[in-house]
Every structure is written in structure tokens, then in C-alpha cells.
Amino acid sequence: MEIILVELLLWAGLIFFFWVLKDGLGNVETDLESLGFNAPIPASSPRVCYDLPERVSEVIGSYQGAQIYRYATFAGERYLYDHIVPAAGAIVLEDGQRCMEPGLIYVRCEDRAGQSKLIRR
């Protein structure tokens, strides 16, 4: 009889433990929601669309596992590597700029007499 009583007490303790755990996790979820961790991204927020080059040439380094090329061709136009935008930074492209994943910025070049010239605006 004593063994059955001990077993019932253990089962009651286990059920109480799970009930407290469930209640505590519900509070954590509520706290996370109030902090906005799972808030939907507004449709008006800018999204980065990375460009995919047609051709690339002359590897000059790497960043976050991606090769950095000196030149890249997008839509038949040649671009020169300019700089990197860190993941935490906002990517704002000016006219004549393209962005390759993971934040590699290229600027348009203009060929004259076989030489590439950087166009800055």
C-alpha cells in the first residue's frame, strides 16, 4: 500500500511540474510577442534584391564566403567593385550601382578607347 501511495505522489508531482512548466513557457511567449520578436515585416519596408551578374572576372578577395571580383557584368554593362555594406547596414544604391550578395557594391564603368573609367555620380 505504501508503494502505491509513493507512486501516486510522484505522478502528482510530475503533473504539477509540467503544469508549472507550461505556464512559465506561456509567459515567455507573451514576453517575446510584447517585445516584437515575431512581428510581421511591414510590406512597405525596403527589401534588398541582390543582382546576379552575367559574367565576373579577376578575383580580388572574399567576404563571408563569397568571392569578390574586380569586374562584374550586369545586363550587358560592366561594373567595377567599389565597397562592402555590412549585414547590419542599410543598403541604399545610387544610380549606376549594383549589389551582389552578401552586400558587395559595384559601380558602372564606361569603356573608352579600351580603358575602363569609373563613373561616380
C-alpha atoms as a PDB file:
ATOM      1  CA  MET A   1       0.000   0.000   0.000  1.00  0.00           C
ATOM      2  CA  GLU A   2       2.855   2.377   0.809  1.00  0.00           C
ATOM      3  CA  ILE A   3       4.462   1.791  -2.613  1.00  0.00           C
ATOM      4  CA  ILE A   4       1.241   2.755  -4.401  1.00  0.00           C
ATOM      5  CA  LEU A   5       0.983   5.923  -2.287  1.00  0.00           C
ATOM      6  CA  VAL A   6       4.602   6.890  -3.123  1.00  0.00           C
ATOM      7  CA  GLU A   7       3.970   6.241  -6.827  1.00  0.00           C
ATOM      8  CA  LEU A   8       0.814   8.389  -6.783  1.00  0.00           C
ATOM      9  CA  LEU A   9       2.722  11.212  -5.074  1.00  0.00           C
ATOM     10  CA  LEU A  10       5.475  11.020  -7.708  1.00  0.00           C
ATOM     11  CA  TRP A  11       2.908  11.105 -10.534  1.00  0.00           C
ATOM     12  CA  ALA A  12       1.159  14.071  -8.904  1.00  0.00           C
ATOM     13  CA  GLY A  13       4.497  15.888  -8.579  1.00  0.00           C
ATOM     14  CA  LEU A  14       5.328  15.209 -12.227  1.00  0.00           C
ATOM     15  CA  ILE A  15       1.951  16.523 -13.393  1.00  0.00           C
ATOM     16  CA  PHE A  16       2.388  19.627 -11.205  1.00  0.00           C
ATOM     17  CA  PHE A  17       5.885  20.147 -12.662  1.00  0.00           C
ATOM     18  CA  PHE A  18       4.587  20.000 -16.264  1.00  0.00           C
ATOM     19  CA  TRP A  19       1.724  22.371 -15.407  1.00  0.00           C
ATOM     20  CA  VAL A  20       4.174  24.937 -13.967  1.00  0.00           C
ATOM     21  CA  LEU A  21       6.494  24.500 -16.963  1.00  0.00           C
ATOM     22  CA  LYS A  22       3.627  25.049 -19.431  1.00  0.00           C
ATOM     23  CA  ASP A  23       2.532  28.181 -17.593  1.00  0.00           C
ATOM     24  CA  GLY A  24       6.091  29.541 -17.486  1.00  0.00           C
ATOM     25  CA  LEU A  25       6.675  28.942 -21.203  1.00  0.00           C
ATOM     26  CA  GLY A  26       3.387  30.683 -21.989  1.00  0.00           C
ATOM     27  CA  ASN A  27       4.674  33.755 -20.151  1.00  0.00           C
ATOM     28  CA  VAL A  28       7.937  33.660 -22.116  1.00  0.00           C
ATOM     29  CA  GLU A  29       5.983  33.570 -25.374  1.00  0.00           C
ATOM     30  CA  THR A  30       3.891  36.545 -24.250  1.00  0.00           C
ATOM     31  CA  ASP A  31       7.029  38.473 -23.318  1.00  0.00           C
ATOM     32  CA  LEU A  32       8.626  37.764 -26.705  1.00  0.00           C
ATOM     33  CA  GLU A  33       5.480  38.893 -28.511  1.00  0.00           C
ATOM     34  CA  SER A  34       5.368  42.121 -26.488  1.00  0.00           C
ATOM     35  CA  LEU A  35       8.991  42.839 -27.460  1.00  0.00           C
ATOM     36  CA  GLY A  36       8.079  42.396 -31.121  1.00  0.00           C
ATOM     37  CA  PHE A  37      10.384  39.489 -31.913  1.00  0.00           C
ATOM     38  CA  ASN A  38       7.822  37.744 -34.085  1.00  0.00           C
ATOM     39  CA  ALA A  39       6.156  40.839 -35.527  1.00  0.00           C
ATOM     40  CA  PRO A  40       5.489  40.573 -39.259  1.00  0.00           C
ATOM     41  CA  ILE A  41       7.702  42.631 -41.555  1.00  0.00           C
ATOM     42  CA  PRO A  42       5.701  45.542 -42.961  1.00  0.00           C
ATOM     43  CA  ALA A  43       5.185  45.401 -46.718  1.00  0.00           C
ATOM     44  CA  SER A  44       6.456  48.982 -47.002  1.00  0.00           C
ATOM     45  CA  SER A  45       9.896  48.145 -45.571  1.00  0.00           C
ATOM     46  CA  PRO A  46      12.655  48.080 -48.197  1.00  0.00           C
ATOM     47  CA  ARG A  47      13.872  44.656 -49.153  1.00  0.00           C
ATOM     48  CA  VAL A  48      17.263  44.035 -50.652  1.00  0.00           C
ATOM     49  CA  CYS A  49      17.210  42.386 -54.057  1.00  0.00           C
ATOM     50  CA  TYR A  50      20.668  41.177 -54.920  1.00  0.00           C
ATOM     51  CA  ASP A  51      21.734  41.312 -58.541  1.00  0.00           C
ATOM     52  CA  LEU A  52      23.058  38.226 -60.301  1.00  0.00           C
ATOM     53  CA  PRO A  53      25.909  39.007 -62.705  1.00  0.00           C
ATOM     54  CA  GLU A  54      26.131  37.556 -66.196  1.00  0.00           C
ATOM     55  CA  ARG A  55      29.923  37.375 -66.025  1.00  0.00           C
ATOM     56  CA  VAL A  56      32.609  38.020 -63.437  1.00  0.00           C
ATOM     57  CA  SER A  57      36.372  38.328 -63.707  1.00  0.00           C
ATOM     58  CA  GLU A  58      39.521  38.753 -61.618  1.00  0.00           C
ATOM     59  CA  VAL A  59      39.046  37.524 -58.057  1.00  0.00           C
ATOM     60  CA  ILE A  60      40.471  40.072 -55.607  1.00  0.00           C
ATOM     61  CA  GLY A  61      39.287  38.664 -52.285  1.00  0.00           C
ATOM     62  CA  SER A  62      36.408  37.151 -50.376  1.00  0.00           C
ATOM     63  CA  TYR A  63      33.786  38.286 -47.879  1.00  0.00           C
ATOM     64  CA  GLN A  64      31.558  35.991 -45.786  1.00  0.00           C
ATOM     65  CA  GLY A  65      32.370  33.058 -48.049  1.00  0.00           C
ATOM     66  CA  ALA A  66      31.577  34.915 -51.290  1.00  0.00           C
ATOM     67  CA  GLN A  67      34.234  35.761 -53.871  1.00  0.00           C
ATOM     68  CA  ILE A  68      34.864  39.439 -54.564  1.00  0.00           C
ATOM     69  CA  TYR A  69      35.515  40.081 -58.247  1.00  0.00           C
ATOM     70  CA  ARG A  70      37.140  43.199 -59.650  1.00  0.00           C
ATOM     71  CA  TYR A  71      34.679  43.293 -62.562  1.00  0.00           C
ATOM     72  CA  ALA A  72      31.116  42.045 -62.994  1.00  0.00           C
ATOM     73  CA  THR A  73      28.771  42.339 -65.955  1.00  0.00           C
ATOM     74  CA  PHE A  74      25.069  43.054 -65.356  1.00  0.00           C
ATOM     75  CA  ALA A  75      22.617  43.392 -68.283  1.00  0.00           C
ATOM     76  CA  GLY A  76      25.497  43.834 -70.727  1.00  0.00           C
ATOM     77  CA  GLU A  77      27.141  46.666 -68.755  1.00  0.00           C
ATOM     78  CA  ARG A  78      30.467  46.363 -66.973  1.00  0.00           C
ATOM     79  CA  TYR A  79      30.768  47.243 -63.283  1.00  0.00           C
ATOM     80  CA  LEU A  80      33.802  47.668 -61.003  1.00  0.00           C
ATOM     81  CA  TYR A  81      33.923  46.546 -57.362  1.00  0.00           C
ATOM     82  CA  ASP A  82      33.589  49.544 -55.028  1.00  0.00           C
ATOM     83  CA  HIS A  83      32.889  48.563 -51.399  1.00  0.00           C
ATOM     84  CA  ILE A  84      31.096  46.283 -48.936  1.00  0.00           C
ATOM     85  CA  VAL A  85      27.938  47.094 -46.998  1.00  0.00           C
ATOM     86  CA  PRO A  86      27.905  45.156 -43.685  1.00  0.00           C
ATOM     87  CA  ALA A  87      24.857  42.978 -42.997  1.00  0.00           C
ATOM     88  CA  ALA A  88      23.679  45.326 -40.235  1.00  0.00           C
ATOM     89  CA  GLY A  89      23.813  48.364 -42.509  1.00  0.00           C
ATOM     90  CA  ALA A  90      21.040  49.513 -44.801  1.00  0.00           C
ATOM     91  CA  ILE A  91      21.813  49.118 -48.487  1.00  0.00           C
ATOM     92  CA  VAL A  92      20.978  52.278 -50.404  1.00  0.00           C
ATOM     93  CA  LEU A  93      22.036  52.117 -54.031  1.00  0.00           C
ATOM     94  CA  GLU A  94      22.732  55.208 -56.064  1.00  0.00           C
ATOM     95  CA  ASP A  95      22.336  55.483 -59.812  1.00  0.00           C
ATOM     96  CA  GLY A  96      24.897  53.299 -61.553  1.00  0.00           C
ATOM     97  CA  GLN A  97      25.384  50.907 -58.638  1.00  0.00           C
ATOM     98  CA  ARG A  98      24.565  47.212 -58.300  1.00  0.00           C
ATOM     99  CA  CYS A  99      24.647  44.971 -55.232  1.00  0.00           C
ATOM    100  CA  MET A 100      25.718  41.330 -55.178  1.00  0.00           C
ATOM    101  CA  GLU A 101      25.110  39.042 -52.230  1.00  0.00           C
ATOM    102  CA  PRO A 102      26.236  39.402 -49.356  1.00  0.00           C
ATOM    103  CA  GLY A 103      26.479  43.195 -49.759  1.00  0.00           C
ATOM    104  CA  LEU A 104      29.169  43.721 -52.411  1.00  0.00           C
ATOM    105  CA  ILE A 105      28.644  47.050 -54.170  1.00  0.00           C
ATOM    106  CA  TYR A 106      29.723  47.533 -57.777  1.00  0.00           C
ATOM    107  CA  VAL A 107      29.716  50.795 -59.772  1.00  0.00           C
ATOM    108  CA  ARG A 108      29.226  51.145 -63.513  1.00  0.00           C
ATOM    109  CA  CYS A 109      32.294  51.519 -65.737  1.00  0.00           C
ATOM    110  CA  GLU A 110      32.434  53.220 -69.113  1.00  0.00           C
ATOM    111  CA  ASP A 111      34.767  51.872 -71.810  1.00  0.00           C
ATOM    112  CA  ARG A 112      36.593  54.475 -73.868  1.00  0.00           C
ATOM    113  CA  ALA A 113      39.499  53.583 -76.134  1.00  0.00           C
ATOM    114  CA  GLY A 114      39.810  50.201 -74.447  1.00  0.00           C
ATOM    115  CA  GLN A 115      40.180  51.683 -70.966  1.00  0.00           C
ATOM    116  CA  SER A 116      37.711  51.420 -68.119  1.00  0.00           C
ATOM    117  CA  LYS A 117      36.744  54.575 -66.361  1.00  0.00           C
ATOM    118  CA  LEU A 118      34.776  54.702 -63.154  1.00  0.00           C
ATOM    119  CA  ILE A 119      31.564  56.726 -63.276  1.00  0.00           C
ATOM    120  CA  ARG A 120      30.691  58.425 -59.971  1.00  0.00           C
ATOM    121  CA  ARG A 121      27.529  60.461 -59.532  1.00  0.00           C
END
